């Protein structure tokens, strides 16, 4: 069985919201898709980008990071 390599990225949108996401796409491919996406959008919103990214990687998803204090 072939192991699937996942890449993890941190992104900021026009609302200054920081998210992390995972994808099987390479950094080079992901950067090209961001540029293509930005050309088609007036505002860059992370959730909308992930929806766009799913056309190329159906398993792409935002990873929610929460702080735990103790």
N, C-alpha and C. Protein backbone atom coordinates (compact mmCIF):
# COMPACT_ATOMS: atom_id res chain seq x y z
N UNK A 1 0.85 -1.19 0.00
CA UNK A 1 0.00 0.00 0.00
C UNK A 1 0.89 1.25 0.00
N UNK A 2 0.58 2.16 -0.87
CA UNK A 2 1.37 3.39 -0.99
C UNK A 2 0.92 4.40 0.07
N UNK A 3 1.88 5.01 0.75
CA UNK A 3 1.58 6.03 1.75
C UNK A 3 1.34 7.37 1.05
N UNK A 4 0.27 8.02 1.42
CA UNK A 4 -0.06 9.32 0.85
C UNK A 4 0.60 10.41 1.69
N UNK A 5 1.39 11.25 1.04
CA UNK A 5 2.05 12.35 1.75
C UNK A 5 1.10 13.54 1.82
N UNK A 6 0.86 14.02 3.00
CA UNK A 6 0.02 15.21 3.20
C UNK A 6 0.93 16.39 3.52
N UNK A 7 0.59 17.53 2.97
CA UNK A 7 1.30 18.76 3.27
C UNK A 7 0.38 19.66 4.08
N UNK A 8 0.96 20.37 5.03
CA UNK A 8 0.20 21.24 5.92
C UNK A 8 0.69 22.67 5.72
N UNK A 9 -0.26 23.60 5.58
CA UNK A 9 0.06 24.99 5.31
C UNK A 9 -0.72 25.91 6.25
N UNK A 10 -0.16 27.07 6.51
CA UNK A 10 -0.84 28.11 7.28
C UNK A 10 -1.19 29.22 6.30
N UNK A 11 -2.44 29.72 6.37
CA UNK A 11 -2.87 30.79 5.47
C UNK A 11 -3.62 31.86 6.25
N UNK A 12 -3.53 33.08 5.74
CA UNK A 12 -4.27 34.23 6.28
C UNK A 12 -5.17 34.76 5.18
N UNK A 13 -6.36 35.20 5.55
CA UNK A 13 -7.26 35.75 4.54
C UNK A 13 -7.44 37.25 4.72
N UNK A 14 -8.33 37.85 3.94
CA UNK A 14 -8.55 39.30 4.00
C UNK A 14 -9.19 39.74 5.32
N UNK A 15 -9.75 38.81 6.07
CA UNK A 15 -10.30 39.12 7.39
C UNK A 15 -9.24 38.96 8.48
N UNK A 16 -8.01 38.72 8.05
CA UNK A 16 -6.87 38.46 8.94
C UNK A 16 -7.11 37.24 9.82
N UNK A 17 -7.89 36.31 9.30
CA UNK A 17 -8.11 35.05 9.99
C UNK A 17 -7.02 34.08 9.58
N UNK A 18 -6.41 33.47 10.58
CA UNK A 18 -5.36 32.49 10.32
C UNK A 18 -5.97 31.10 10.40
N UNK A 19 -5.68 30.27 9.39
CA UNK A 19 -6.11 28.88 9.38
C UNK A 19 -4.95 28.01 8.94
N UNK A 20 -5.07 26.77 9.24
CA UNK A 20 -4.16 25.76 8.73
C UNK A 20 -4.99 24.82 7.86
N UNK A 21 -4.36 24.26 6.85
CA UNK A 21 -5.07 23.28 6.04
C UNK A 21 -4.12 22.20 5.59
N UNK A 22 -4.70 21.06 5.23
CA UNK A 22 -3.88 19.96 4.73
C UNK A 22 -4.33 19.61 3.32
N UNK A 23 -3.37 19.14 2.53
CA UNK A 23 -3.62 18.79 1.15
C UNK A 23 -2.55 17.81 0.68
N UNK A 24 -2.84 17.08 -0.36
CA UNK A 24 -1.83 16.21 -0.97
C UNK A 24 -1.05 16.96 -2.06
N UNK A 25 -1.48 18.17 -2.37
CA UNK A 25 -0.82 18.96 -3.41
C UNK A 25 0.52 19.50 -2.91
N UNK A 26 1.44 19.70 -3.83
CA UNK A 26 2.74 20.26 -3.46
C UNK A 26 2.62 21.75 -3.18
N UNK A 27 3.62 22.30 -2.53
CA UNK A 27 3.62 23.73 -2.24
C UNK A 27 3.56 24.55 -3.53
N UNK A 28 4.33 24.13 -4.53
CA UNK A 28 4.35 24.85 -5.81
C UNK A 28 2.96 24.86 -6.44
N UNK A 29 2.29 23.71 -6.45
CA UNK A 29 0.94 23.62 -7.03
C UNK A 29 -0.06 24.44 -6.22
N UNK A 30 0.06 24.37 -4.91
CA UNK A 30 -0.85 25.11 -4.03
C UNK A 30 -0.68 26.62 -4.22
N UNK A 31 0.56 27.09 -4.36
CA UNK A 31 0.80 28.52 -4.58
C UNK A 31 0.21 28.98 -5.91
N UNK A 32 0.31 28.15 -6.95
CA UNK A 32 -0.28 28.49 -8.24
C UNK A 32 -1.81 28.58 -8.11
N UNK A 33 -2.41 27.65 -7.40
CA UNK A 33 -3.86 27.67 -7.22
C UNK A 33 -4.30 28.89 -6.42
N UNK A 34 -3.52 29.31 -5.44
CA UNK A 34 -3.85 30.54 -4.70
C UNK A 34 -3.86 31.73 -5.65
N UNK A 35 -2.85 31.84 -6.49
CA UNK A 35 -2.79 32.96 -7.44
C UNK A 35 -3.98 32.92 -8.41
N UNK A 36 -4.32 31.74 -8.90
CA UNK A 36 -5.48 31.60 -9.80
C UNK A 36 -6.77 31.99 -9.07
N UNK A 37 -6.90 31.55 -7.83
CA UNK A 37 -8.08 31.85 -7.02
C UNK A 37 -8.21 33.35 -6.77
N UNK A 38 -7.10 34.00 -6.43
CA UNK A 38 -7.12 35.44 -6.14
C UNK A 38 -7.50 36.26 -7.36
N UNK A 39 -7.16 35.80 -8.55
CA UNK A 39 -7.54 36.51 -9.77
C UNK A 39 -9.04 36.53 -9.98
N UNK A 40 -9.73 35.50 -9.46
CA UNK A 40 -11.17 35.35 -9.66
C UNK A 40 -12.00 35.92 -8.52
N UNK A 41 -11.35 36.37 -7.45
CA UNK A 41 -12.07 36.81 -6.26
C UNK A 41 -11.77 38.27 -5.93
N UNK A 42 -12.75 38.97 -5.41
CA UNK A 42 -12.51 40.32 -4.91
C UNK A 42 -11.91 40.27 -3.51
N UNK A 43 -12.38 39.31 -2.74
CA UNK A 43 -11.88 39.12 -1.38
C UNK A 43 -11.42 37.69 -1.23
N UNK A 44 -10.40 37.51 -0.45
CA UNK A 44 -9.84 36.19 -0.22
C UNK A 44 -10.28 35.69 1.15
N UNK A 45 -11.12 34.65 1.19
CA UNK A 45 -11.62 34.07 2.42
C UNK A 45 -11.18 32.60 2.45
N UNK A 46 -10.58 32.19 3.56
CA UNK A 46 -10.00 30.85 3.65
C UNK A 46 -10.98 29.74 3.34
N UNK A 47 -12.18 29.80 3.88
CA UNK A 47 -13.15 28.72 3.63
C UNK A 47 -13.51 28.62 2.14
N UNK A 48 -13.58 29.76 1.47
CA UNK A 48 -13.87 29.76 0.03
C UNK A 48 -12.69 29.17 -0.76
N UNK A 49 -11.48 29.47 -0.31
CA UNK A 49 -10.31 28.90 -0.99
C UNK A 49 -10.28 27.38 -0.84
N UNK A 50 -10.61 26.87 0.33
CA UNK A 50 -10.61 25.43 0.53
C UNK A 50 -11.67 24.77 -0.34
N UNK A 51 -12.81 25.40 -0.50
CA UNK A 51 -13.85 24.87 -1.40
C UNK A 51 -13.29 24.80 -2.83
N UNK A 52 -12.59 25.85 -3.26
CA UNK A 52 -11.95 25.88 -4.58
C UNK A 52 -10.87 24.79 -4.68
N UNK A 53 -10.07 24.65 -3.64
CA UNK A 53 -8.98 23.68 -3.61
C UNK A 53 -9.50 22.25 -3.73
N UNK A 54 -10.68 21.98 -3.20
CA UNK A 54 -11.26 20.64 -3.23
C UNK A 54 -11.52 20.15 -4.66
N UNK A 55 -11.56 21.05 -5.64
CA UNK A 55 -11.68 20.64 -7.04
C UNK A 55 -10.44 19.86 -7.47
N UNK A 56 -9.31 20.16 -6.85
CA UNK A 56 -8.03 19.56 -7.22
C UNK A 56 -7.57 18.51 -6.21
N UNK A 57 -8.06 18.61 -4.99
CA UNK A 57 -7.76 17.65 -3.93
C UNK A 57 -9.02 17.50 -3.07
N UNK A 58 -9.86 16.51 -3.38
CA UNK A 58 -11.13 16.34 -2.65
C UNK A 58 -10.96 16.15 -1.14
N UNK A 59 -9.78 15.72 -0.71
CA UNK A 59 -9.55 15.49 0.72
C UNK A 59 -8.96 16.70 1.44
N UNK A 60 -8.76 17.81 0.75
CA UNK A 60 -8.22 19.01 1.39
C UNK A 60 -9.20 19.49 2.46
N UNK A 61 -8.66 19.98 3.56
CA UNK A 61 -9.55 20.48 4.61
C UNK A 61 -8.82 21.44 5.52
N UNK A 62 -9.61 22.34 6.12
CA UNK A 62 -9.10 23.26 7.13
C UNK A 62 -8.92 22.48 8.42
N UNK A 63 -7.84 22.76 9.11
CA UNK A 63 -7.57 22.15 10.40
C UNK A 63 -7.81 23.23 11.45
N UNK A 64 -8.71 22.97 12.35
CA UNK A 64 -9.01 23.93 13.41
C UNK A 64 -8.04 23.70 14.56
N UNK A 65 -7.36 24.77 14.96
CA UNK A 65 -6.41 24.73 16.07
C UNK A 65 -7.01 25.51 17.23
N UNK A 66 -7.08 24.88 18.36
CA UNK A 66 -7.62 25.53 19.56
C UNK A 66 -6.58 25.48 20.67
N UNK A 67 -6.62 26.47 21.52
CA UNK A 67 -5.71 26.54 22.65
C UNK A 67 -6.35 25.82 23.84
N UNK A 68 -5.56 25.03 24.49
CA UNK A 68 -6.00 24.37 25.72
C UNK A 68 -5.13 24.91 26.86
N UNK A 69 -5.78 25.37 27.90
CA UNK A 69 -5.05 25.86 29.08
C UNK A 69 -5.31 24.92 30.24
N UNK A 70 -4.33 24.80 31.09
CA UNK A 70 -4.52 23.99 32.30
C UNK A 70 -3.72 24.54 33.44
